[in-house]
Amino acid sequence: MTRLSVNINKIATIRNSRGGNNPNLIQMALDAEQFGAQGITVHPRPDERHIRYADVRALRSVLTTEFNIEGNCRESKFVDLVLEVRPQQVTLVPDAEGQLTSDHGWDTIGNKDYLREMIGIFKSAGIRTSIFCDPDLTMIEGAAATGTDRIELYTEQYARMYPQDKEQAVAPYRKAARRAHDLGMGINAGHDLDLHNLSYLIKEVTFIDEVSIGHALVSDALYYGWENTIQMYRRQLNTVTH
């Protein structure tokens, strides 16, 4: 069954907009776990515009579910933080400095040697690695050559196309996941997944281990409440059988 990791970056954004500690990020993460989240995801960036490095350290000491830290491993501070905190999973994302949000996967061919080196560093510390990938078979095959444990399929393209043609939207992800599975990699997915498009993706792409959802889930919580929203997303995953 696909697991739900709740990305709490947007909670930090709201907190930081006024200073202080409202909403309380740590309590929101603990409540998310209690309400059914099977993991917590954060994506610290160098400017700390949402998740702060101190948040990452504080979360590691209290979380009881899987902790997933996303970020750009070209930032030495990020690498040092992950090795210090030692989450269960690190997800490597090829963000540029100052980037608003992640918007593409790795060129796993051109960056093979670099990724192999970085993945080796994290795996030697006992941290499961995942790398952001577009649903491109060449890039999937390149990912396998880096030694990563998992890939995270970047699903913005799927979410954008879903309202017009959901079969066309999901087709490349189905093929990419099958190839990744055949090559022995686990599969995560994330970006722009929501209550409208989530269950179809999970039904059609049979090997997804985990989805990471933040912006849509936090936005929905403004209407439905934190507990109810997390349960709604869990139901989207739990109703799918293969």
C-alpha atoms as a PDB file:
ATOM      1  CA  MET A   1       0.000   0.000   0.000  1.00  0.00           C
ATOM      2  CA  THR A   2       1.276   3.479  -0.884  1.00  0.00           C
ATOM      3  CA  ARG A   3       2.284   5.530   2.141  1.00  0.00           C
ATOM      4  CA  LEU A   4       1.476   9.207   2.728  1.00  0.00           C
ATOM      5  CA  SER A   5       4.280  11.572   3.713  1.00  0.00           C
ATOM      6  CA  VAL A   6       3.016  15.051   4.586  1.00  0.00           C
ATOM      7  CA  ASN A   7       5.232  17.928   3.474  1.00  0.00           C
ATOM      8  CA  ILE A   8       4.991  20.683   6.096  1.00  0.00           C
ATOM      9  CA  ASN A   9       6.883  23.436   4.262  1.00  0.00           C
ATOM     10  CA  LYS A  10       3.716  25.517   3.843  1.00  0.00           C
ATOM     11  CA  ILE A  11       3.065  25.391   7.577  1.00  0.00           C
ATOM     12  CA  ALA A  12       6.496  26.953   8.069  1.00  0.00           C
ATOM     13  CA  THR A  13       5.715  29.565   5.404  1.00  0.00           C
ATOM     14  CA  ILE A  14       2.620  30.683   7.310  1.00  0.00           C
ATOM     15  CA  ARG A  15       4.550  30.783  10.592  1.00  0.00           C
ATOM     16  CA  ASN A  16       7.413  32.781   9.121  1.00  0.00           C
ATOM     17  CA  SER A  17       5.090  35.361   7.554  1.00  0.00           C
ATOM     18  CA  ARG A  18       4.368  36.841  10.980  1.00  0.00           C
ATOM     19  CA  GLY A  19       7.311  35.705  13.079  1.00  0.00           C
ATOM     20  CA  GLY A  20       6.805  33.913  16.357  1.00  0.00           C
ATOM     21  CA  ASN A  21       5.643  30.315  16.489  1.00  0.00           C
ATOM     22  CA  ASN A  22       2.053  30.357  15.248  1.00  0.00           C
ATOM     23  CA  PRO A  23       1.251  27.862  13.857  1.00  0.00           C
ATOM     24  CA  ASN A  24       3.520  25.643  15.924  1.00  0.00           C
ATOM     25  CA  LEU A  25       5.372  23.641  13.286  1.00  0.00           C
ATOM     26  CA  ILE A  26       6.511  20.878  15.613  1.00  0.00           C
ATOM     27  CA  GLN A  27       3.038  20.356  17.060  1.00  0.00           C
ATOM     28  CA  MET A  28       1.508  20.354  13.576  1.00  0.00           C
ATOM     29  CA  ALA A  29       3.939  17.623  12.540  1.00  0.00           C
ATOM     30  CA  LEU A  30       3.166  15.549  15.633  1.00  0.00           C
ATOM     31  CA  ASP A  31      -0.560  16.009  15.061  1.00  0.00           C
ATOM     32  CA  ALA A  32      -0.126  14.956  11.427  1.00  0.00           C
ATOM     33  CA  GLU A  33       1.436  11.712  12.618  1.00  0.00           C
ATOM     34  CA  GLN A  34      -1.380  11.156  15.095  1.00  0.00           C
ATOM     35  CA  PHE A  35      -3.983  11.844  12.408  1.00  0.00           C
ATOM     36  CA  GLY A  36      -2.563   9.261  10.021  1.00  0.00           C
ATOM     37  CA  ALA A  37       0.485  10.661   8.213  1.00  0.00           C
ATOM     38  CA  GLN A  38       2.975   7.846   7.687  1.00  0.00           C
ATOM     39  CA  GLY A  39       5.882  10.209   7.227  1.00  0.00           C
ATOM     40  CA  ILE A  40       6.888  13.864   7.429  1.00  0.00           C
ATOM     41  CA  THR A  41       8.734  15.620   4.591  1.00  0.00           C
ATOM     42  CA  VAL A  42      10.631  18.903   4.755  1.00  0.00           C
ATOM     43  CA  HIS A  43      12.614  20.756   2.108  1.00  0.00           C
ATOM     44  CA  PRO A  44      14.984  23.271   3.726  1.00  0.00           C
ATOM     45  CA  ARG A  45      16.464  25.879   1.408  1.00  0.00           C
ATOM     46  CA  PRO A  46      19.502  28.117   2.009  1.00  0.00           C
ATOM     47  CA  ASP A  47      17.388  31.245   2.604  1.00  0.00           C
ATOM     48  CA  GLU A  48      15.247  29.378   5.175  1.00  0.00           C
ATOM     49  CA  ARG A  49      12.147  31.024   3.754  1.00  0.00           C
ATOM     50  CA  HIS A  50      10.019  28.200   5.098  1.00  0.00           C
ATOM     51  CA  ILE A  51      11.663  25.264   6.887  1.00  0.00           C
ATOM     52  CA  ARG A  52      14.605  26.374   8.997  1.00  0.00           C
ATOM     53  CA  TYR A  53      17.619  24.231   9.730  1.00  0.00           C
ATOM     54  CA  ALA A  54      16.696  24.435  13.422  1.00  0.00           C
ATOM     55  CA  ASP A  55      13.273  22.998  12.556  1.00  0.00           C
ATOM     56  CA  VAL A  56      14.906  19.962  10.972  1.00  0.00           C
ATOM     57  CA  ARG A  57      16.942  19.275  14.083  1.00  0.00           C
ATOM     58  CA  ALA A  58      13.930  19.743  16.362  1.00  0.00           C
ATOM     59  CA  LEU A  59      11.739  17.464  14.267  1.00  0.00           C
ATOM     60  CA  ARG A  60      14.259  14.634  14.218  1.00  0.00           C
ATOM     61  CA  SER A  61      14.149  14.326  17.989  1.00  0.00           C
ATOM     62  CA  VAL A  62      10.361  13.960  18.231  1.00  0.00           C
ATOM     63  CA  LEU A  63       9.025  12.287  15.082  1.00  0.00           C
ATOM     64  CA  THR A  64       8.021   8.636  15.274  1.00  0.00           C
ATOM     65  CA  THR A  65       7.228   8.044  11.590  1.00  0.00           C
ATOM     66  CA  GLU A  66       9.574   8.242   8.602  1.00  0.00           C
ATOM     67  CA  PHE A  67      11.449  11.523   8.238  1.00  0.00           C
ATOM     68  CA  ASN A  68      12.253  12.549   4.657  1.00  0.00           C
ATOM     69  CA  ILE A  69      14.504  15.532   3.983  1.00  0.00           C
ATOM     70  CA  GLU A  70      14.488  16.915   0.441  1.00  0.00           C
ATOM     71  CA  GLY A  71      17.029  19.313  -0.930  1.00  0.00           C
ATOM     72  CA  ASN A  72      19.859  20.205  -3.234  1.00  0.00           C
ATOM     73  CA  CYS A  73      22.964  18.201  -2.403  1.00  0.00           C
ATOM     74  CA  ARG A  74      25.133  20.805  -4.171  1.00  0.00           C
ATOM     75  CA  GLU A  75      24.615  22.921  -1.044  1.00  0.00           C
ATOM     76  CA  SER A  76      27.243  21.877   1.485  1.00  0.00           C
ATOM     77  CA  LYS A  77      25.075  23.068   4.395  1.00  0.00           C
ATOM     78  CA  PHE A  78      22.328  20.728   3.249  1.00  0.00           C
ATOM     79  CA  VAL A  79      24.667  17.760   3.084  1.00  0.00           C
ATOM     80  CA  ASP A  80      26.068  18.541   6.526  1.00  0.00           C
ATOM     81  CA  LEU A  81      22.560  18.878   7.961  1.00  0.00           C
ATOM     82  CA  VAL A  82      21.378  15.539   6.570  1.00  0.00           C
ATOM     83  CA  LEU A  83      24.473  13.732   7.829  1.00  0.00           C
ATOM     84  CA  GLU A  84      23.992  15.309  11.250  1.00  0.00           C
ATOM     85  CA  VAL A  85      20.267  14.564  11.522  1.00  0.00           C
ATOM     86  CA  ARG A  86      20.310  11.179   9.743  1.00  0.00           C
ATOM     87  CA  PRO A  87      16.699  10.916   8.607  1.00  0.00           C
ATOM     88  CA  GLN A  88      15.308   7.659   7.309  1.00  0.00           C
ATOM     89  CA  GLN A  89      15.331   9.075   3.763  1.00  0.00           C
ATOM     90  CA  VAL A  90      17.001  11.873   1.841  1.00  0.00           C
ATOM     91  CA  THR A  91      15.563  12.998  -1.496  1.00  0.00           C
ATOM     92  CA  LEU A  92      18.031  14.759  -3.788  1.00  0.00           C
ATOM     93  CA  VAL A  93      16.503  17.531  -5.903  1.00  0.00           C
ATOM     94  CA  PRO A  94      18.360  19.542  -8.586  1.00  0.00           C
ATOM     95  CA  ASP A  95      17.099  22.958  -7.459  1.00  0.00           C
ATOM     96  CA  ALA A  96      18.841  26.178  -8.363  1.00  0.00           C
ATOM     97  CA  GLU A  97      19.524  28.692  -5.600  1.00  0.00           C
ATOM     98  CA  GLY A  98      16.448  30.852  -4.993  1.00  0.00           C
ATOM     99  CA  GLN A  99      14.167  28.552  -6.962  1.00  0.00           C
ATOM    100  CA  LEU A 100      10.481  28.969  -6.040  1.00  0.00           C
ATOM    101  CA  THR A 101       9.716  25.250  -6.143  1.00  0.00           C
ATOM    102  CA  SER A 102      11.191  22.102  -7.651  1.00  0.00           C
ATOM    103  CA  ASP A 103      10.369  21.924 -11.359  1.00  0.00           C
ATOM    104  CA  HIS A 104      12.430  19.160 -12.987  1.00  0.00           C
ATOM    105  CA  GLY A 105      14.240  15.923 -12.341  1.00  0.00           C
ATOM    106  CA  TRP A 106      17.937  15.141 -12.515  1.00  0.00           C
ATOM    107  CA  ASP A 107      19.848  14.599 -15.708  1.00  0.00           C
ATOM    108  CA  THR A 108      20.986  11.226 -14.428  1.00  0.00           C
ATOM    109  CA  ILE A 109      23.233  10.631 -17.438  1.00  0.00           C
ATOM    110  CA  GLY A 110      25.181  13.866 -17.295  1.00  0.00           C
ATOM    111  CA  ASN A 111      25.361  13.808 -13.493  1.00  0.00           C
ATOM    112  CA  LYS A 112      25.936  10.077 -13.024  1.00  0.00           C
ATOM    113  CA  ASP A 113      29.370  10.306 -11.408  1.00  0.00           C
ATOM    114  CA  TYR A 114      28.347  13.173  -9.156  1.00  0.00           C
ATOM    115  CA  LEU A 115      25.154  11.419  -8.054  1.00  0.00           C
ATOM    116  CA  ARG A 116      27.004   8.169  -7.416  1.00  0.00           C
ATOM    117  CA  GLU A 117      29.399  10.020  -5.140  1.00  0.00           C
ATOM    118  CA  MET A 118      26.684  11.844  -3.182  1.00  0.00           C
ATOM    119  CA  ILE A 119      24.424   8.811  -2.920  1.00  0.00           C
ATOM    120  CA  GLY A 120      27.373   6.812  -1.616  1.00  0.00           C
ATOM    121  CA  ILE A 121      27.968   9.391   1.114  1.00  0.00           C
ATOM    122  CA  PHE A 122      24.384   9.239   2.345  1.00  0.00           C
ATOM    123  CA  LYS A 123      24.044   5.469   2.060  1.00  0.00           C
ATOM    124  CA  SER A 124      27.258   4.956   4.011  1.00  0.00           C
ATOM    125  CA  ALA A 125      25.568   6.903   6.819  1.00  0.00           C
ATOM    126  CA  GLY A 126      22.622   4.495   6.738  1.00  0.00           C
ATOM    127  CA  ILE A 127      20.233   6.898   4.994  1.00  0.00           C
ATOM    128  CA  ARG A 128      17.960   5.620   2.236  1.00  0.00           C
ATOM    129  CA  THR A 129      18.391   7.728  -0.911  1.00  0.00           C
ATOM    130  CA  SER A 130      15.857   8.875  -3.463  1.00  0.00           C
ATOM    131  CA  ILE A 131      16.472  11.153  -6.447  1.00  0.00           C
ATOM    132  CA  PHE A 132      13.992  13.368  -8.272  1.00  0.00           C
ATOM    133  CA  CYS A 133      13.292  12.045 -11.791  1.00  0.00           C
ATOM    134  CA  ASP A 134      11.146  12.980 -14.756  1.00  0.00           C
ATOM    135  CA  PRO A 135       9.144  10.096 -16.305  1.00  0.00           C
ATOM    136  CA  ASP A 136      11.749   9.568 -19.002  1.00  0.00           C
ATOM    137  CA  LEU A 137      12.968   6.004 -19.503  1.00  0.00           C
ATOM    138  CA  THR A 138      16.500   7.127 -20.301  1.00  0.00           C
ATOM    139  CA  MET A 139      16.667   9.101 -17.063  1.00  0.00           C
ATOM    140  CA  ILE A 140      15.174   6.182 -15.130  1.00  0.00           C
ATOM    141  CA  GLU A 141      17.835   3.848 -16.489  1.00  0.00           C
ATOM    142  CA  GLY A 142      20.456   6.456 -15.673  1.00  0.00           C
ATOM    143  CA  ALA A 143      19.130   6.645 -12.108  1.00  0.00           C
ATOM    144  CA  ALA A 144      19.667   2.913 -11.658  1.00  0.00           C
ATOM    145  CA  ALA A 145      23.330   3.388 -12.590  1.00  0.00           C
ATOM    146  CA  THR A 146      23.802   5.899  -9.754  1.00  0.00           C
ATOM    147  CA  GLY A 147      23.064   3.310  -7.070  1.00  0.00           C
ATOM    148  CA  THR A 148      20.068   5.148  -5.634  1.00  0.00           C
ATOM    149  CA  ASP A 149      17.592   3.180  -3.539  1.00  0.00           C
ATOM    150  CA  ARG A 150      14.551   4.956  -4.952  1.00  0.00           C
ATOM    151  CA  ILE A 151      13.460   7.551  -7.432  1.00  0.00           C
ATOM    152  CA  GLU A 152      10.786  10.178  -6.860  1.00  0.00           C
ATOM    153  CA  LEU A 153       8.729  10.705  -9.987  1.00  0.00           C
ATOM    154  CA  TYR A 154       8.116  14.417 -10.548  1.00  0.00           C
ATOM    155  CA  THR A 155       4.347  14.518 -11.135  1.00  0.00           C
ATOM    156  CA  GLU A 156       3.695  18.133 -12.163  1.00  0.00           C
ATOM    157  CA  GLN A 157       3.265  17.069 -15.798  1.00  0.00           C
ATOM    158  CA  TYR A 158       0.734  14.431 -14.763  1.00  0.00           C
ATOM    159  CA  ALA A 159      -1.237  16.905 -12.629  1.00  0.00           C
ATOM    160  CA  ARG A 160      -1.289  19.515 -15.391  1.00  0.00           C
ATOM    161  CA  MET A 161      -2.569  17.104 -18.053  1.00  0.00           C
ATOM    162  CA  TYR A 162      -4.958  15.139 -15.855  1.00  0.00           C
ATOM    163  CA  PRO A 163      -8.063  17.363 -16.313  1.00  0.00           C
ATOM    164  CA  GLN A 164      -7.828  17.135 -20.118  1.00  0.00           C
ATOM    165  CA  ASP A 165      -6.790  13.510 -20.647  1.00  0.00           C
ATOM    166  CA  LYS A 166      -5.978  11.416 -17.610  1.00  0.00           C
ATOM    167  CA  GLU A 167      -4.870   8.377 -19.623  1.00  0.00           C
ATOM    168  CA  GLN A 168      -2.399  10.417 -21.643  1.00  0.00           C
ATOM    169  CA  ALA A 169      -1.278  12.086 -18.426  1.00  0.00           C
ATOM    170  CA  VAL A 170      -0.527   8.856 -16.595  1.00  0.00           C
ATOM    171  CA  ALA A 171       0.929   6.791 -19.459  1.00  0.00           C
ATOM    172  CA  PRO A 172       4.584   7.903 -19.158  1.00  0.00           C
ATOM    173  CA  TYR A 173       4.489   7.437 -15.384  1.00  0.00           C
ATOM    174  CA  ARG A 174       3.170   3.907 -15.762  1.00  0.00           C
ATOM    175  CA  LYS A 175       6.066   3.053 -18.080  1.00  0.00           C
ATOM    176  CA  ALA A 176       8.641   4.837 -15.936  1.00  0.00           C
ATOM    177  CA  ALA A 177       7.527   3.091 -12.762  1.00  0.00           C
ATOM    178  CA  ARG A 178       7.557  -0.302 -14.448  1.00  0.00           C
ATOM    179  CA  ARG A 179      11.105   0.270 -15.693  1.00  0.00           C
ATOM    180  CA  ALA A 180      12.292   1.509 -12.302  1.00  0.00           C
ATOM    181  CA  HIS A 181      10.722  -1.502 -10.613  1.00  0.00           C
ATOM    182  CA  ASP A 182      12.338  -3.873 -13.089  1.00  0.00           C
ATOM    183  CA  LEU A 183      15.701  -2.241 -12.353  1.00  0.00           C
ATOM    184  CA  GLY A 184      15.273  -2.837  -8.634  1.00  0.00           C
ATOM    185  CA  MET A 185      14.499   0.698  -7.452  1.00  0.00           C
ATOM    186  CA  GLY A 186      11.719   1.785  -5.128  1.00  0.00           C
ATOM    187  CA  ILE A 187       9.372   4.501  -6.380  1.00  0.00           C
ATOM    188  CA  ASN A 188       8.084   7.648  -4.695  1.00  0.00           C
ATOM    189  CA  ALA A 189       6.006  10.377  -6.324  1.00  0.00           C
ATOM    190  CA  GLY A 190       5.279  14.003  -5.640  1.00  0.00           C
ATOM    191  CA  HIS A 191       4.386  17.488  -6.859  1.00  0.00           C
ATOM    192  CA  ASP A 192       0.885  18.892  -7.441  1.00  0.00           C
ATOM    193  CA  LEU A 193      -0.856  15.711  -6.328  1.00  0.00           C
ATOM    194  CA  ASP A 194      -4.244  16.407  -4.741  1.00  0.00           C
ATOM    195  CA  LEU A 195      -7.620  14.907  -3.854  1.00  0.00           C
ATOM    196  CA  HIS A 196      -8.716  14.987  -7.511  1.00  0.00           C
ATOM    197  CA  ASN A 197      -5.811  13.225  -9.205  1.00  0.00           C
ATOM    198  CA  LEU A 198      -4.183  11.097  -6.510  1.00  0.00           C
ATOM    199  CA  SER A 199      -6.232   7.902  -6.539  1.00  0.00           C
ATOM    200  CA  TYR A 200      -6.076   7.543 -10.333  1.00  0.00           C
ATOM    201  CA  LEU A 201      -2.283   7.801 -10.287  1.00  0.00           C
ATOM    202  CA  ILE A 202      -2.002   5.173  -7.577  1.00  0.00           C
ATOM    203  CA  LYS A 203      -4.451   2.873  -9.340  1.00  0.00           C
ATOM    204  CA  GLU A 204      -2.652   3.094 -12.669  1.00  0.00           C
ATOM    205  CA  VAL A 205       0.961   3.178 -11.457  1.00  0.00           C
ATOM    206  CA  THR A 206       1.196   0.037  -9.398  1.00  0.00           C
ATOM    207  CA  PHE A 207       4.618   0.284  -7.780  1.00  0.00           C
ATOM    208  CA  ILE A 208       4.492   3.597  -5.900  1.00  0.00           C
ATOM    209  CA  ASP A 209       5.817   3.157  -2.357  1.00  0.00           C
ATOM    210  CA  GLU A 210       5.191   6.676  -1.092  1.00  0.00           C
ATOM    211  CA  VAL A 211       3.695  10.016  -2.088  1.00  0.00           C
ATOM    212  CA  SER A 212       4.854  13.304  -0.626  1.00  0.00           C
ATOM    213  CA  ILE A 213       2.143  15.976  -0.606  1.00  0.00           C
ATOM    214  CA  GLY A 214       2.311  19.454   0.858  1.00  0.00           C
ATOM    215  CA  HIS A 215       0.833  22.460  -0.917  1.00  0.00           C
ATOM    216  CA  ALA A 216      -2.509  20.927  -1.885  1.00  0.00           C
ATOM    217  CA  LEU A 217      -2.915  19.124   1.435  1.00  0.00           C
ATOM    218  CA  VAL A 218      -2.248  22.239   3.514  1.00  0.00           C
ATOM    219  CA  SER A 219      -4.563  24.265   1.263  1.00  0.00           C
ATOM    220  CA  ASP A 220      -7.321  21.682   1.665  1.00  0.00           C
ATOM    221  CA  ALA A 221      -6.821  21.792   5.427  1.00  0.00           C
ATOM    222  CA  LEU A 222      -7.954  25.435   5.403  1.00  0.00           C
ATOM    223  CA  TYR A 223     -11.382  24.141   4.367  1.00  0.00           C
ATOM    224  CA  TYR A 224     -11.576  20.703   5.937  1.00  0.00           C
ATOM    225  CA  GLY A 225      -9.277  20.856   8.959  1.00  0.00           C
ATOM    226  CA  TRP A 226      -5.899  19.213   9.546  1.00  0.00           C
ATOM    227  CA  GLU A 227      -7.114  15.875  10.868  1.00  0.00           C
ATOM    228  CA  ASN A 228      -9.940  15.463   8.377  1.00  0.00           C
ATOM    229  CA  THR A 229      -7.736  16.386   5.405  1.00  0.00           C
ATOM    230  CA  ILE A 230      -5.019  13.887   6.278  1.00  0.00           C
ATOM    231  CA  GLN A 231      -7.673  11.202   6.632  1.00  0.00           C
ATOM    232  CA  MET A 232      -9.161  12.202   3.256  1.00  0.00           C
ATOM    233  CA  TYR A 233      -5.787  11.741   1.575  1.00  0.00           C
ATOM    234  CA  ARG A 234      -5.254   8.428   3.341  1.00  0.00           C
ATOM    235  CA  ARG A 235      -8.610   7.238   2.025  1.00  0.00           C
ATOM    236  CA  GLN A 236      -7.547   8.139  -1.504  1.00  0.00           C
ATOM    237  CA  LEU A 237      -4.628   5.747  -1.051  1.00  0.00           C
ATOM    238  CA  ASN A 238      -6.429   3.051   0.914  1.00  0.00           C
ATOM    239  CA  THR A 239      -9.253   2.594  -1.602  1.00  0.00           C
ATOM    240  CA  VAL A 240      -6.819   1.518  -4.324  1.00  0.00           C
ATOM    241  CA  THR A 241      -6.130  -2.184  -4.607  1.00  0.00           C
ATOM    242  CA  HIS A 242      -3.878  -3.938  -7.112  1.00  0.00           C
END
